[in-house]
C-alpha atoms as a PDB file:
ATOM      1  CA  UNK A   1      54.339 -86.124-143.958  1.00  0.00           C
ATOM      2  CA  UNK A   2      51.345 -89.163-144.104  1.00  0.00           C
ATOM      3  CA  UNK A   3      52.037 -90.294-140.759  1.00  0.00           C
ATOM      4  CA  UNK A   4      51.968 -86.600-139.463  1.00  0.00           C
ATOM      5  CA  UNK A   5      48.527 -86.227-140.938  1.00  0.00           C
ATOM      6  CA  UNK A   6      46.708 -89.628-139.523  1.00  0.00           C
ATOM      7  CA  UNK A   7      48.027 -88.424-136.205  1.00  0.00           C
ATOM      8  CA  UNK A   8      46.324 -84.764-137.324  1.00  0.00           C
ATOM      9  CA  UNK A   9      43.182 -87.258-137.861  1.00  0.00           C
ATOM     10  CA  UNK A  10      43.173 -88.647-135.026  1.00  0.00           C
ATOM     11  CA  UNK A  11      43.688 -85.604-132.823  1.00  0.00           C
ATOM     12  CA  UNK A  12      40.074 -84.496-134.617  1.00  0.00           C
ATOM     13  CA  UNK A  13      38.726 -87.508-132.607  1.00  0.00           C
ATOM     14  CA  UNK A  14      40.061 -86.885-129.372  1.00  0.00           C
ATOM     15  CA  UNK A  15      38.856 -83.212-129.288  1.00  0.00           C
ATOM     16  CA  UNK A  16      36.035 -82.730-131.095  1.00  0.00           C
ATOM     17  CA  UNK A  17      32.582 -84.980-130.117  1.00  0.00           C
ATOM     18  CA  UNK A  18      30.842 -84.374-133.616  1.00  0.00           C
ATOM     19  CA  UNK A  19      33.599 -86.070-135.739  1.00  0.00           C
ATOM     20  CA  UNK A  20      32.315 -89.102-136.928  1.00  0.00           C
ATOM     21  CA  UNK A  21      34.549 -90.804-139.430  1.00  0.00           C
ATOM     22  CA  UNK A  22      37.597 -90.393-140.666  1.00  0.00           C
ATOM     23  CA  UNK A  23      35.975 -89.979-144.301  1.00  0.00           C
ATOM     24  CA  UNK A  24      33.985 -86.864-142.413  1.00  0.00           C
ATOM     25  CA  UNK A  25      37.296 -85.378-140.950  1.00  0.00           C
ATOM     26  CA  UNK A  26      38.986 -85.289-144.281  1.00  0.00           C
ATOM     27  CA  UNK A  27      36.353 -84.040-146.186  1.00  0.00           C
ATOM     28  CA  UNK A  28      34.715 -81.697-144.030  1.00  0.00           C
ATOM     29  CA  UNK A  29      37.197 -80.050-141.472  1.00  0.00           C
ATOM     30  CA  UNK A  30      38.586 -77.170-142.417  1.00  0.00           C
ATOM     31  CA  UNK A  31      41.074 -77.340-140.264  1.00  0.00           C
ATOM     32  CA  UNK A  32      42.525 -80.266-141.473  1.00  0.00           C
ATOM     33  CA  UNK A  33      42.669 -78.894-144.861  1.00  0.00           C
ATOM     34  CA  UNK A  34      44.466 -75.597-143.656  1.00  0.00           C
ATOM     35  CA  UNK A  35      47.372 -77.720-142.075  1.00  0.00           C
ATOM     36  CA  UNK A  36      47.683 -79.803-145.324  1.00  0.00           C
ATOM     37  CA  UNK A  37      48.462 -76.965-147.544  1.00  0.00           C
ATOM     38  CA  UNK A  38      50.723 -75.422-144.674  1.00  0.00           C
ATOM     39  CA  UNK A  39      52.669 -78.575-144.615  1.00  0.00           C
ATOM     40  CA  UNK A  40      53.736 -78.139-148.288  1.00  0.00           C
ATOM     41  CA  UNK A  41      54.236 -74.764-148.105  1.00  0.00           C
ATOM     42  CA  UNK A  42      56.093 -74.743-145.032  1.00  0.00           C
ATOM     43  CA  UNK A  43      58.583 -77.243-146.976  1.00  0.00           C
ATOM     44  CA  UNK A  44      58.761 -75.685-149.939  1.00  0.00           C
ATOM     45  CA  UNK A  45      58.951 -72.421-148.040  1.00  0.00           C
ATOM     46  CA  UNK A  46      62.426 -74.512-145.821  1.00  0.00           C
ATOM     47  CA  UNK A  47      63.946 -75.290-149.473  1.00  0.00           C
ATOM     48  CA  UNK A  48      63.961 -71.628-150.936  1.00  0.00           C
ATOM     49  CA  UNK A  49      60.810 -71.487-152.870  1.00  0.00           C
ATOM     50  CA  UNK A  50      59.188 -68.467-151.067  1.00  0.00           C
ATOM     51  CA  UNK A  51      57.123 -67.290-153.877  1.00  0.00           C
ATOM     52  CA  UNK A  52      55.364 -70.791-154.577  1.00  0.00           C
ATOM     53  CA  UNK A  53      55.121 -71.278-150.670  1.00  0.00           C
ATOM     54  CA  UNK A  54      53.308 -68.114-150.503  1.00  0.00           C
ATOM     55  CA  UNK A  55      51.255 -68.831-153.209  1.00  0.00           C
ATOM     56  CA  UNK A  56      50.101 -71.901-151.986  1.00  0.00           C
ATOM     57  CA  UNK A  57      49.628 -70.836-148.472  1.00  0.00           C
ATOM     58  CA  UNK A  58      47.158 -68.477-149.860  1.00  0.00           C
ATOM     59  CA  UNK A  59      45.392 -70.691-151.459  1.00  0.00           C
ATOM     60  CA  UNK A  60      44.715 -72.639-148.774  1.00  0.00           C
ATOM     61  CA  UNK A  61      43.644 -69.212-147.199  1.00  0.00           C
ATOM     62  CA  UNK A  62      41.068 -69.007-150.016  1.00  0.00           C
ATOM     63  CA  UNK A  63      39.457 -72.130-149.686  1.00  0.00           C
ATOM     64  CA  UNK A  64      39.463 -72.917-145.750  1.00  0.00           C
ATOM     65  CA  UNK A  65      39.165 -68.975-144.479  1.00  0.00           C
ATOM     66  CA  UNK A  66      42.728 -70.145-142.529  1.00  0.00           C
ATOM     67  CA  UNK A  67      45.854 -67.680-142.861  1.00  0.00           C
ATOM     68  CA  UNK A  68      49.124 -69.907-141.999  1.00  0.00           C
ATOM     69  CA  UNK A  69      52.425 -67.851-143.351  1.00  0.00           C
ATOM     70  CA  UNK A  70      54.561 -70.578-144.818  1.00  0.00           C
ATOM     71  CA  UNK A  71      57.126 -69.955-142.291  1.00  0.00           C
ATOM     72  CA  UNK A  72      55.007 -71.126-139.076  1.00  0.00           C
ATOM     73  CA  UNK A  73      56.496 -73.949-137.244  1.00  0.00           C
ATOM     74  CA  UNK A  74      54.046 -76.355-136.374  1.00  0.00           C
ATOM     75  CA  UNK A  75      54.009 -79.115-134.422  1.00  0.00           C
ATOM     76  CA  UNK A  76      51.748 -82.553-134.755  1.00  0.00           C
ATOM     77  CA  UNK A  77      48.548 -83.228-133.957  1.00  0.00           C
ATOM     78  CA  UNK A  78      48.004 -79.859-134.451  1.00  0.00           C
ATOM     79  CA  UNK A  79      43.986 -79.162-134.431  1.00  0.00           C
ATOM     80  CA  UNK A  80      42.394 -75.620-135.330  1.00  0.00           C
ATOM     81  CA  UNK A  81      38.217 -76.363-134.668  1.00  0.00           C
ATOM     82  CA  UNK A  82      35.869 -74.274-136.883  1.00  0.00           C
ATOM     83  CA  UNK A  83      38.884 -71.882-137.597  1.00  0.00           C
ATOM     84  CA  UNK A  84      37.511 -69.624-140.290  1.00  0.00           C
ATOM     85  CA  UNK A  85      39.085 -66.118-139.288  1.00  0.00           C
ATOM     86  CA  UNK A  86      42.634 -68.007-137.785  1.00  0.00           C
ATOM     87  CA  UNK A  87      45.838 -65.798-138.792  1.00  0.00           C
ATOM     88  CA  UNK A  88      49.036 -67.372-137.817  1.00  0.00           C
ATOM     89  CA  UNK A  89      52.093 -65.278-138.175  1.00  0.00           C
ATOM     90  CA  UNK A  90      55.836 -65.888-140.091  1.00  0.00           C
ATOM     91  CA  UNK A  91      57.684 -66.370-136.716  1.00  0.00           C
ATOM     92  CA  UNK A  92      55.475 -68.423-134.761  1.00  0.00           C
ATOM     93  CA  UNK A  93      55.867 -71.708-133.098  1.00  0.00           C
ATOM     94  CA  UNK A  94      53.692 -73.914-131.978  1.00  0.00           C
ATOM     95  CA  UNK A  95      54.591 -77.242-130.240  1.00  0.00           C
ATOM     96  CA  UNK A  96      52.221 -80.656-130.068  1.00  0.00           C
ATOM     97  CA  UNK A  97      48.936 -81.519-129.680  1.00  0.00           C
ATOM     98  CA  UNK A  98      47.776 -77.686-129.601  1.00  0.00           C
ATOM     99  CA  UNK A  99      43.971 -76.748-129.992  1.00  0.00           C
ATOM    100  CA  UNK A 100      43.010 -72.925-131.672  1.00  0.00           C
ATOM    101  CA  UNK A 101      39.778 -72.109-132.469  1.00  0.00           C
ATOM    102  CA  UNK A 102      37.845 -69.676-134.763  1.00  0.00           C
ATOM    103  CA  UNK A 103      38.938 -66.055-134.754  1.00  0.00           C
ATOM    104  CA  UNK A 104      42.309 -66.241-133.053  1.00  0.00           C
ATOM    105  CA  UNK A 105      45.143 -64.987-133.922  1.00  0.00           C
ATOM    106  CA  UNK A 106      48.982 -65.444-132.692  1.00  0.00           C
ATOM    107  CA  UNK A 107      50.261 -61.782-134.625  1.00  0.00           C
ATOM    108  CA  UNK A 108      53.150 -59.448-133.615  1.00  0.00           C
ATOM    109  CA  UNK A 109      53.336 -56.054-132.763  1.00  0.00           C
ATOM    110  CA  UNK A 110      56.044 -55.180-134.319  1.00  0.00           C
ATOM    111  CA  UNK A 111      58.414 -54.217-137.992  1.00  0.00           C
ATOM    112  CA  UNK A 112      61.730 -55.845-136.509  1.00  0.00           C
ATOM    113  CA  UNK A 113      62.839 -58.488-138.884  1.00  0.00           C
ATOM    114  CA  UNK A 114      63.177 -61.221-136.306  1.00  0.00           C
ATOM    115  CA  UNK A 115      61.365 -62.929-134.037  1.00  0.00           C
ATOM    116  CA  UNK A 116      57.872 -60.801-133.671  1.00  0.00           C
ATOM    117  CA  UNK A 117      55.115 -63.555-133.199  1.00  0.00           C
ATOM    118  CA  UNK A 118      54.339 -65.682-130.047  1.00  0.00           C
ATOM    119  CA  UNK A 119      55.712 -69.378-129.580  1.00  0.00           C
ATOM    120  CA  UNK A 120      52.888 -71.998-128.029  1.00  0.00           C
ATOM    121  CA  UNK A 121      54.419 -74.796-125.841  1.00  0.00           C
ATOM    122  CA  UNK A 122      52.823 -78.800-125.820  1.00  0.00           C
ATOM    123  CA  UNK A 123      48.791 -78.916-125.351  1.00  0.00           C
ATOM    124  CA  UNK A 124      48.232 -75.188-125.028  1.00  0.00           C
ATOM    125  CA  UNK A 125      44.454 -74.522-126.408  1.00  0.00           C
ATOM    126  CA  UNK A 126      43.400 -70.844-127.508  1.00  0.00           C
ATOM    127  CA  UNK A 127      40.009 -69.946-127.408  1.00  0.00           C
ATOM    128  CA  UNK A 128      37.556 -68.138-129.605  1.00  0.00           C
ATOM    129  CA  UNK A 129      38.593 -64.333-130.934  1.00  0.00           C
ATOM    130  CA  UNK A 130      41.805 -64.413-128.668  1.00  0.00           C
ATOM    131  CA  UNK A 131      44.766 -62.878-129.629  1.00  0.00           C
ATOM    132  CA  UNK A 132      48.066 -63.363-128.699  1.00  0.00           C
ATOM    133  CA  UNK A 133      50.385 -61.032-129.994  1.00  0.00           C
ATOM    134  CA  UNK A 134      54.231 -60.859-129.253  1.00  0.00           C
ATOM    135  CA  UNK A 135      57.774 -62.555-129.166  1.00  0.00           C
ATOM    136  CA  UNK A 136      56.918 -64.623-126.076  1.00  0.00           C
ATOM    137  CA  UNK A 137      56.505 -67.715-124.896  1.00  0.00           C
ATOM    138  CA  UNK A 138      52.796 -69.369-123.989  1.00  0.00           C
ATOM    139  CA  UNK A 139      53.839 -72.185-121.625  1.00  0.00           C
ATOM    140  CA  UNK A 140      53.146 -76.118-121.448  1.00  0.00           C
ATOM    141  CA  UNK A 141      49.520 -76.782-120.931  1.00  0.00           C
ATOM    142  CA  UNK A 142      48.295 -73.304-120.522  1.00  0.00           C
ATOM    143  CA  UNK A 143      45.062 -71.494-121.557  1.00  0.00           C
ATOM    144  CA  UNK A 144      43.959 -68.909-123.068  1.00  0.00           C
ATOM    145  CA  UNK A 145      40.061 -67.900-122.829  1.00  0.00           C
ATOM    146  CA  UNK A 146      37.763 -67.304-125.545  1.00  0.00           C
ATOM    147  CA  UNK A 147      38.559 -63.476-126.663  1.00  0.00           C
ATOM    148  CA  UNK A 148      41.440 -62.640-124.445  1.00  0.00           C
ATOM    149  CA  UNK A 149      44.318 -60.588-125.376  1.00  0.00           C
ATOM    150  CA  UNK A 150      47.727 -61.992-123.963  1.00  0.00           C
ATOM    151  CA  UNK A 151      51.054 -59.385-124.670  1.00  0.00           C
ATOM    152  CA  UNK A 152      53.305 -61.165-122.085  1.00  0.00           C
ATOM    153  CA  UNK A 153      54.743 -64.082-121.177  1.00  0.00           C
ATOM    154  CA  UNK A 154      51.865 -67.017-119.980  1.00  0.00           C
ATOM    155  CA  UNK A 155      53.742 -69.841-117.421  1.00  0.00           C
ATOM    156  CA  UNK A 156      53.103 -73.224-118.131  1.00  0.00           C
ATOM    157  CA  UNK A 157      49.388 -74.577-116.611  1.00  0.00           C
ATOM    158  CA  UNK A 158      47.893 -70.930-116.758  1.00  0.00           C
ATOM    159  CA  UNK A 159      44.599 -69.920-116.874  1.00  0.00           C
ATOM    160  CA  UNK A 160      44.457 -66.595-118.825  1.00  0.00           C
ATOM    161  CA  UNK A 161      41.165 -64.397-119.271  1.00  0.00           C
ATOM    162  CA  UNK A 162      40.665 -60.664-120.264  1.00  0.00           C
ATOM    163  CA  UNK A 163      41.747 -57.873-121.644  1.00  0.00           C
ATOM    164  CA  UNK A 164      44.791 -57.690-121.397  1.00  0.00           C
ATOM    165  CA  UNK A 165      44.458 -61.142-120.260  1.00  0.00           C
ATOM    166  CA  UNK A 166      44.852 -61.878-116.423  1.00  0.00           C
ATOM    167  CA  UNK A 167      46.008 -65.266-115.079  1.00  0.00           C
ATOM    168  CA  UNK A 168      43.198 -67.377-112.926  1.00  0.00           C
ATOM    169  CA  UNK A 169      46.241 -69.371-111.310  1.00  0.00           C
ATOM    170  CA  UNK A 170      49.112 -72.301-111.876  1.00  0.00           C
ATOM    171  CA  UNK A 171      47.462 -75.421-113.126  1.00  0.00           C
ATOM    172  CA  UNK A 172      49.352 -78.708-113.083  1.00  0.00           C
ATOM    173  CA  UNK A 173      50.124 -79.762-116.593  1.00  0.00           C
ATOM    174  CA  UNK A 174      49.640 -83.518-116.478  1.00  0.00           C
ATOM    175  CA  UNK A 175      45.876 -82.585-115.406  1.00  0.00           C
ATOM    176  CA  UNK A 176      45.995 -80.360-118.365  1.00  0.00           C
ATOM    177  CA  UNK A 177      47.090 -82.932-120.364  1.00  0.00           C
ATOM    178  CA  UNK A 178      44.647 -85.234-119.123  1.00  0.00           C
ATOM    179  CA  UNK A 179      41.050 -83.376-119.120  1.00  0.00           C
ATOM    180  CA  UNK A 180      40.790 -81.210-122.370  1.00  0.00           C
ATOM    181  CA  UNK A 181      39.028 -77.890-121.791  1.00  0.00           C
ATOM    182  CA  UNK A 182      37.479 -77.143-124.986  1.00  0.00           C
ATOM    183  CA  UNK A 183      37.604 -72.962-125.710  1.00  0.00           C
ATOM    184  CA  UNK A 184      40.192 -73.546-122.831  1.00  0.00           C
ATOM    185  CA  UNK A 185      37.944 -71.586-119.934  1.00  0.00           C
ATOM    186  CA  UNK A 186      36.336 -74.501-119.068  1.00  0.00           C
ATOM    187  CA  UNK A 187      34.431 -72.875-115.998  1.00  0.00           C
ATOM    188  CA  UNK A 188      37.230 -70.432-115.088  1.00  0.00           C
ATOM    189  CA  UNK A 189      35.553 -66.965-113.597  1.00  0.00           C
ATOM    190  CA  UNK A 190      37.348 -63.359-114.367  1.00  0.00           C
ATOM    191  CA  UNK A 191      39.456 -62.482-111.609  1.00  0.00           C
ATOM    192  CA  UNK A 192      38.229 -59.246-111.755  1.00  0.00           C
ATOM    193  CA  UNK A 193      34.679 -60.541-111.459  1.00  0.00           C
ATOM    194  CA  UNK A 194      35.849 -62.790-108.594  1.00  0.00           C
ATOM    195  CA  UNK A 195      37.503 -59.803-106.640  1.00  0.00           C
ATOM    196  CA  UNK A 196      33.786 -57.658-107.023  1.00  0.00           C
ATOM    197  CA  UNK A 197      31.877 -60.500-106.188  1.00  0.00           C
ATOM    198  CA  UNK A 198      34.512 -60.787-102.601  1.00  0.00           C
ATOM    199  CA  UNK A 199      34.066 -56.678-102.520  1.00  0.00           C
ATOM    200  CA  UNK A 200      30.245 -56.721-102.617  1.00  0.00           C
ATOM    201  CA  UNK A 201      30.067 -59.718-100.331  1.00  0.00           C
ATOM    202  CA  UNK A 202      32.305 -57.798 -97.410  1.00  0.00           C
ATOM    203  CA  UNK A 203      29.933 -54.750 -98.208  1.00  0.00           C
ATOM    204  CA  UNK A 204      27.155 -57.092 -96.927  1.00  0.00           C
ATOM    205  CA  UNK A 205      28.548 -58.059 -93.578  1.00  0.00           C
ATOM    206  CA  UNK A 206      29.486 -54.737 -92.885  1.00  0.00           C
ATOM    207  CA  UNK A 207      25.837 -53.066 -93.615  1.00  0.00           C
ATOM    208  CA  UNK A 208      24.563 -56.503 -91.840  1.00  0.00           C
ATOM    209  CA  UNK A 209      26.419 -55.154 -88.769  1.00  0.00           C
ATOM    210  CA  UNK A 210      25.307 -51.748 -88.870  1.00  0.00           C
ATOM    211  CA  UNK A 211      22.360 -52.770 -88.982  1.00  0.00           C
ATOM    212  CA  UNK A 212      22.920 -54.499 -86.224  1.00  0.00           C
ATOM    213  CA  UNK A 213      24.390 -51.607 -84.171  1.00  0.00           C
ATOM    214  CA  UNK A 214      21.520 -49.244 -85.038  1.00  0.00           C
ATOM    215  CA  UNK A 215      18.701 -51.999 -83.604  1.00  0.00           C
ATOM    216  CA  UNK A 216      20.210 -51.955 -80.494  1.00  0.00           C
ATOM    217  CA  UNK A 217      18.643 -49.900 -78.054  1.00  0.00           C
ATOM    218  CA  UNK A 218      20.895 -46.742 -76.244  1.00  0.00           C
ATOM    219  CA  UNK A 219      22.284 -47.278 -72.657  1.00  0.00           C
ATOM    220  CA  UNK A 220      20.359 -45.077 -70.161  1.00  0.00           C
ATOM    221  CA  UNK A 221      21.848 -41.747 -69.794  1.00  0.00           C
ATOM    222  CA  UNK A 222      22.839 -41.486 -66.207  1.00  0.00           C
ATOM    223  CA  UNK A 223      22.539 -38.111 -64.590  1.00  0.00           C
ATOM    224  CA  UNK A 224      25.151 -36.063 -63.158  1.00  0.00           C
ATOM    225  CA  UNK A 225      24.545 -34.100 -59.926  1.00  0.00           C
ATOM    226  CA  UNK A 226      25.462 -30.994 -59.528  1.00  0.00           C
ATOM    227  CA  UNK A 227      27.774 -29.000 -57.243  1.00  0.00           C
ATOM    228  CA  UNK A 228      26.226 -27.946 -54.134  1.00  0.00           C
END
């Protein structure tokens, strides 16, 4: 557990330029505090101490504003930046090197007692206010833009934005891993906005062509000789 905690602290330095010392991270980062509570609660949950595990997770929620069900499975080097309002459901599974920002919800859309919450692959980034809802997989290296609502499977390396979320196109997982994108969007543009811009450009081109046609002089009308 202590080795994982050291890795979690190092992950903060890699993804948050505001972090200046390990002591500051340990004392002042609620994401680290919430993760410490969860590691303990999850260990108790796996051993059948369900009520005690839930109680510890509630204490962590009260102290940090981050709600993580003790049944959730979380990998290594997990980082919750800022963190207030984050909710992670019971059957959620989170891979290694995942980053969540404030207001993220990993939730379910059914009352099925089985798998109800999403599975996040390695290196996933979920932006502020985003909701990932349902028992599907978000592939390795995917990015979820701020305030996006994801309700279906996300391929590896894709960037999802909008409500409901739409892909901006595949992106190599290796590139995502080597270049961390805060809030999951980088310089991404919403696909609907991009389509509207292209449509606007096309309309402008057609208007210019129509104006040129209107400025062209009309051809002279030939007189038709009458029949004698």
